[in-house]
Amino acid sequence: GMIVQMAKILGLGPVVGVVGRTSKVEAARTLGCDVVIDKSQEDLWSAAAGAVPNGFILVADSSGVATLQQSYDHLAPTGRLITFGFHTNLPMGKDMLSPTEWIK
């Protein structure tokens, strides 16, 4: 939400939000996204290229290694890539650390 609002204030539109399931589309629109890509229903990068054919001025990528190269590839020539979160780098399964173990 905060990144969407900052992008709107800075005039970086259209602001494109990406959600992982249809139930989140309306929330993304409510937060201010001009375009919402539901990656459970369409290919993320084809839809992104269709929404902003000349590339993005800013991509804020929280997924990490799974999307980092594609995020970079979809930037405008002077665009910027911000990475945060990196949820795809978190360990999965029974060996996953609990949040209380992260702060040790």
Protein backbone atom coordinates (compact mmCIF):
# COMPACT_ATOMS: atom_id res chain seq x y z
CA GLY A 1 0.00 0.00 0.00
CA MET A 2 2.68 2.51 0.95
CA ILE A 3 4.73 1.88 -2.20
CA VAL A 4 1.61 2.35 -4.33
CA GLN A 5 0.83 5.66 -2.64
CA MET A 6 4.42 6.91 -2.98
CA ALA A 7 4.44 6.00 -6.68
CA LYS A 8 1.16 7.87 -7.20
CA ILE A 9 2.45 10.97 -5.37
CA LEU A 10 5.63 10.92 -7.48
CA GLY A 11 3.63 10.57 -10.70
CA LEU A 12 5.18 7.24 -11.63
CA GLY A 13 1.99 5.94 -13.23
CA PRO A 14 0.53 3.85 -14.37
CA VAL A 15 0.96 2.05 -11.07
CA VAL A 16 0.74 -1.69 -11.67
CA GLY A 17 0.03 -4.04 -8.78
CA VAL A 18 0.61 -7.78 -8.87
CA VAL A 19 -1.47 -10.21 -6.83
CA GLY A 20 -1.29 -13.96 -6.49
CA ARG A 21 -5.00 -14.71 -6.39
CA THR A 22 -8.23 -13.19 -7.63
CA SER A 23 -9.54 -12.41 -4.15
CA LYS A 24 -6.81 -9.75 -3.79
CA VAL A 25 -7.54 -7.81 -7.00
CA GLU A 26 -10.10 -5.43 -5.48
CA ALA A 27 -7.85 -4.66 -2.51
CA ALA A 28 -5.03 -3.68 -4.87
CA ARG A 29 -7.40 -1.40 -6.78
CA THR A 30 -8.61 0.14 -3.52
CA LEU A 31 -5.00 0.89 -2.57
CA GLY A 32 -4.67 2.89 -5.78
CA CYS A 33 -3.25 0.57 -8.44
CA ASP A 34 -4.19 1.71 -11.95
CA VAL A 35 -3.68 -1.80 -13.32
CA VAL A 36 -3.80 -5.06 -11.35
CA ILE A 37 -2.22 -8.23 -12.70
CA ASP A 38 -3.61 -11.43 -11.19
CA LYS A 39 -0.77 -13.86 -11.84
CA SER A 40 -3.06 -16.81 -11.04
CA GLN A 41 -5.08 -15.86 -14.15
CA GLU A 42 -2.50 -14.49 -16.60
CA ASP A 43 1.21 -14.50 -17.31
CA LEU A 44 2.77 -11.81 -15.12
CA TRP A 45 5.42 -10.60 -17.54
CA SER A 46 3.26 -10.60 -20.67
CA ALA A 47 0.64 -8.59 -18.81
CA ALA A 48 3.30 -6.23 -17.41
CA ALA A 49 4.74 -5.59 -20.87
CA GLY A 50 1.23 -4.94 -22.17
CA ALA A 51 0.46 -2.50 -19.36
CA VAL A 52 3.70 -0.52 -19.71
CA PRO A 53 5.18 -1.29 -23.16
CA ASN A 54 8.09 1.15 -22.82
CA GLY A 55 9.22 -0.30 -19.51
CA PHE A 56 8.73 0.67 -15.90
CA ILE A 57 10.24 3.75 -14.30
CA LEU A 58 10.28 1.84 -11.01
CA VAL A 59 9.89 -1.81 -10.10
CA ALA A 60 9.58 -2.68 -6.40
CA ASP A 61 10.28 -6.42 -6.21
CA SER A 62 9.67 -8.29 -2.97
CA SER A 63 9.93 -11.80 -4.39
CA GLY A 64 13.68 -12.13 -4.79
CA VAL A 65 15.57 -14.49 -7.02
CA ALA A 66 12.43 -15.89 -8.64
CA THR A 67 11.62 -12.56 -10.32
CA LEU A 68 14.70 -10.36 -10.04
CA GLN A 69 16.00 -10.81 -13.61
CA GLN A 70 12.56 -10.35 -15.17
CA SER A 71 11.99 -7.25 -13.04
CA TYR A 72 15.26 -5.82 -14.32
CA ASP A 73 14.43 -6.76 -17.91
CA HIS A 74 11.14 -4.81 -17.76
CA LEU A 75 12.67 -1.51 -16.66
CA ALA A 76 12.67 1.56 -18.89
CA PRO A 77 16.20 2.64 -19.93
CA THR A 78 16.48 4.98 -16.93
CA GLY A 79 14.27 2.89 -14.63
CA ARG A 80 15.13 1.83 -11.10
CA LEU A 81 14.75 -1.54 -9.40
CA ILE A 82 14.10 -1.66 -5.66
CA THR A 83 14.37 -5.04 -3.97
CA PHE A 84 13.00 -5.84 -0.54
CA GLY A 85 11.61 -8.82 1.33
CA PHE A 86 12.97 -11.62 -0.85
CA HIS A 87 10.29 -14.10 0.19
CA THR A 88 11.48 -16.70 -2.36
CA ASN A 89 14.78 -16.90 -0.48
CA LEU A 90 13.12 -18.01 2.76
CA PRO A 91 13.59 -21.66 3.69
CA MET A 92 10.50 -23.78 3.14
CA GLY A 93 9.20 -26.93 4.74
CA LYS A 94 9.93 -28.56 8.07
CA ASP A 95 13.35 -26.88 8.39
CA MET A 96 11.90 -23.37 8.17
CA LEU A 97 12.87 -21.08 11.02
CA SER A 98 10.11 -19.58 13.12
CA PRO A 99 10.05 -15.77 13.47
CA THR A 100 11.34 -16.08 17.04
CA GLU A 101 14.45 -17.86 15.74
CA TRP A 102 15.13 -15.09 13.18
CA ILE A 103 15.98 -12.61 15.93
CA LYS A 104 18.49 -14.80 17.79
